[in-house]
Amino acid sequence: MASPSLHIRILSPQQLLLDTEAFSLSSKNTQGNFDILPQHANFLTVIEKSPIVVRIPKKPPLTFKFDVAIIFAANNQVSVYTYIQPQIDKK
């Protein structure tokens, strides 16, 4: 039986930004727009300055935008790896 959802995690070296079940993840790479749905084939791509949209059951879609991110999908699990520049308070 196919899993009805994906487990999505968005991680940076500084923190875990998202850890949830979702219906899909959508974005755009150099080849064009794509969607990752349950039972998606193994997939690895780099995203540069394109929105990553996560659709979660019973909630509005979440949109993330990073300068660069790596998306890896396998076995109904999607990991998004990114680096967030630490904020420096200049007083």
Protein backbone atom coordinates (compact mmCIF):
# COMPACT_ATOMS: atom_id res chain seq x y z
CA MET A 1 0.00 0.00 0.00
CA ALA A 2 1.37 3.43 -0.95
CA SER A 3 2.08 5.92 1.79
CA PRO A 4 -0.36 8.87 1.58
CA SER A 5 2.25 11.42 2.60
CA LEU A 6 5.89 12.43 2.61
CA HIS A 7 8.07 13.09 5.62
CA ILE A 8 9.82 16.42 4.95
CA ARG A 9 12.72 17.88 6.89
CA ILE A 10 14.42 21.20 6.15
CA LEU A 11 17.79 21.49 7.88
CA SER A 12 20.59 23.99 8.17
CA PRO A 13 23.77 23.62 10.22
CA GLN A 14 22.23 26.02 12.73
CA GLN A 15 18.78 24.49 13.16
CA LEU A 16 15.98 22.18 12.10
CA LEU A 17 13.60 24.48 10.23
CA LEU A 18 10.79 22.02 9.46
CA ASP A 19 9.98 18.41 10.35
CA THR A 20 6.51 17.37 9.19
CA GLU A 21 4.30 15.12 7.13
CA ALA A 22 3.16 16.68 3.85
CA PHE A 23 1.31 15.93 0.62
CA SER A 24 3.96 17.40 -1.68
CA LEU A 25 7.00 19.61 -2.15
CA SER A 26 7.35 21.84 -5.21
CA SER A 27 10.17 24.00 -6.55
CA LYS A 28 12.18 24.85 -9.65
CA ASN A 29 15.67 23.76 -10.67
CA THR A 30 17.71 24.43 -13.84
CA GLN A 31 15.53 21.93 -15.74
CA GLY A 32 12.24 23.57 -14.74
CA ASN A 33 9.41 23.20 -12.24
CA PHE A 34 8.97 19.94 -10.36
CA ASP A 35 6.78 18.34 -7.70
CA ILE A 36 7.73 15.58 -5.29
CA LEU A 37 4.74 13.43 -4.35
CA PRO A 38 4.43 10.21 -2.32
CA GLN A 39 6.17 7.25 -4.01
CA HIS A 40 8.42 9.61 -6.01
CA ALA A 41 11.52 8.03 -7.52
CA ASN A 42 14.84 8.79 -5.82
CA PHE A 43 15.69 12.39 -6.64
CA LEU A 44 18.57 14.77 -5.95
CA THR A 45 18.74 18.38 -7.11
CA VAL A 46 20.14 21.80 -6.30
CA ILE A 47 17.82 24.80 -5.95
CA GLU A 48 19.09 28.35 -6.29
CA LYS A 49 16.93 31.28 -5.18
CA SER A 50 13.68 29.50 -6.08
CA PRO A 51 10.78 29.07 -3.68
CA ILE A 52 10.29 25.66 -2.09
CA VAL A 53 6.61 25.08 -1.35
CA VAL A 54 5.53 22.42 1.15
CA ARG A 55 1.86 21.43 1.22
CA ILE A 56 0.82 20.17 4.67
CA PRO A 57 -2.57 18.59 5.43
CA LYS A 58 -5.17 21.06 6.77
CA LYS A 59 -2.77 24.03 6.70
CA PRO A 60 -1.86 26.72 4.17
CA PRO A 61 1.21 25.91 2.05
CA LEU A 62 4.56 26.88 3.56
CA THR A 63 7.04 28.69 1.30
CA PHE A 64 10.78 28.82 1.91
CA LYS A 65 13.39 30.65 -0.14
CA PHE A 66 17.13 30.12 0.26
CA ASP A 67 20.10 31.28 -1.79
CA VAL A 68 20.94 27.62 -2.35
CA ALA A 69 19.51 24.31 -1.15
CA ILE A 70 19.96 20.62 -1.90
CA ILE A 71 16.84 18.47 -2.07
CA PHE A 72 17.10 14.70 -1.68
CA ALA A 73 14.05 12.42 -1.91
CA ALA A 74 13.96 8.66 -1.29
CA ASN A 75 11.47 6.26 0.29
CA ASN A 76 8.81 8.93 0.95
CA GLN A 77 11.33 11.05 2.85
CA VAL A 78 12.48 14.42 1.57
CA SER A 79 15.45 16.23 3.07
CA VAL A 80 16.25 19.81 2.19
CA TYR A 81 19.73 20.95 3.21
CA THR A 82 20.60 24.62 3.24
CA TYR A 83 22.85 27.13 4.89
CA ILE A 84 21.39 30.15 6.61
CA GLN A 85 23.76 33.04 7.11
CA PRO A 86 23.83 33.93 10.82
CA GLN A 87 22.38 37.35 11.55
CA ILE A 88 24.96 39.73 13.00
CA ASP A 89 23.62 42.59 15.04
CA LYS A 90 25.72 45.63 14.14
CA LYS A 91 25.19 48.26 16.82
